Amino acid sequence: MIRLQRERETRGMSKNALAALARLPHGRCGQLENGRARPPRDSKELVRLAGVLGIADPGSLLDEVGDDA
């Protein structure tokens, strides 16, 4: 699991709701979470997602985390 998924689930958000708040295409969060997309760690989309989630380091959203972290 990557941090993006853990943070989203902790907040009780759907992938589509998070994508909408971050002004990303429908389904983009799913692509990021399942590894089909790996943008640069400083990409605008990660910056937008981090802003919505209140995360200081956008690149950390792609880091692998334990399911219980």
Protein backbone atom coordinates (compact mmCIF):
# COMPACT_ATOMS: atom_id res chain seq x y z
CA MET A 1 0.00 0.00 0.00
CA ILE A 2 1.28 3.49 -0.74
CA ARG A 3 0.84 6.46 1.56
CA LEU A 4 -1.69 8.07 -0.78
CA GLN A 5 -4.08 5.17 -0.29
CA ARG A 6 -3.57 5.04 3.47
CA GLU A 7 -4.13 8.79 3.86
CA ARG A 8 -7.23 8.70 1.65
CA GLU A 9 -8.74 5.74 3.48
CA THR A 10 -7.94 7.25 6.90
CA ARG A 11 -10.02 10.26 5.90
CA GLY A 12 -12.86 8.11 4.59
CA MET A 13 -12.59 9.53 1.08
CA SER A 14 -13.32 7.74 -2.15
CA LYS A 15 -10.76 7.82 -4.94
CA ASN A 16 -13.10 9.84 -7.11
CA ALA A 17 -13.83 12.36 -4.35
CA LEU A 18 -10.13 12.92 -3.75
CA ALA A 19 -9.45 13.26 -7.47
CA ALA A 20 -12.24 15.82 -7.78
CA LEU A 21 -10.95 17.89 -4.86
CA ALA A 22 -7.44 17.81 -6.33
CA ARG A 23 -8.81 18.67 -9.81
CA LEU A 24 -7.48 15.45 -11.33
CA PRO A 25 -9.13 13.24 -13.95
CA HIS A 26 -11.64 10.68 -12.77
CA GLY A 27 -9.78 7.46 -11.99
CA ARG A 28 -6.35 9.02 -11.57
CA CYS A 29 -6.09 8.17 -7.85
CA GLY A 30 -6.73 4.53 -8.71
CA GLN A 31 -3.94 4.57 -11.28
CA LEU A 32 -1.55 6.01 -8.71
CA GLU A 33 -2.59 3.61 -5.97
CA ASN A 34 -2.25 0.46 -8.07
CA GLY A 35 1.07 1.48 -9.63
CA ARG A 36 -0.10 2.05 -13.21
CA ALA A 37 1.06 5.67 -12.93
CA ARG A 38 4.23 6.93 -11.25
CA PRO A 39 4.63 10.67 -11.85
CA PRO A 40 7.74 12.55 -10.73
CA ARG A 41 7.72 13.12 -6.98
CA ASP A 42 7.40 16.88 -7.51
CA SER A 43 4.60 16.70 -10.10
CA LYS A 44 1.69 19.13 -10.00
CA GLU A 45 -0.77 16.29 -9.42
CA LEU A 46 1.07 15.08 -6.32
CA VAL A 47 1.29 18.67 -5.06
CA ARG A 48 -2.49 19.01 -5.49
CA LEU A 49 -3.19 15.70 -3.75
CA ALA A 50 -0.85 16.60 -0.88
CA GLY A 51 -2.59 19.93 -0.50
CA VAL A 52 -6.00 18.30 -0.21
CA LEU A 53 -4.68 15.74 2.28
CA GLY A 54 -2.60 18.23 4.28
CA ILE A 55 0.71 16.46 3.56
CA ALA A 56 3.88 18.58 3.53
CA ASP A 57 5.95 16.33 1.24
CA PRO A 58 4.05 15.50 -1.97
CA GLY A 59 6.58 12.87 -3.04
CA SER A 60 5.96 10.89 0.13
CA LEU A 61 2.49 10.01 -1.18
CA LEU A 62 4.18 7.39 -3.40
CA ASP A 63 6.10 5.78 -0.53
CA GLU A 64 5.22 2.24 0.45
CA VAL A 65 3.75 1.97 3.95
CA GLY A 66 2.53 -0.93 6.02
CA ASP A 67 -1.19 -1.60 6.13
CA ASP A 68 -1.16 -0.87 9.86
CA ALA A 69 0.95 2.32 9.68
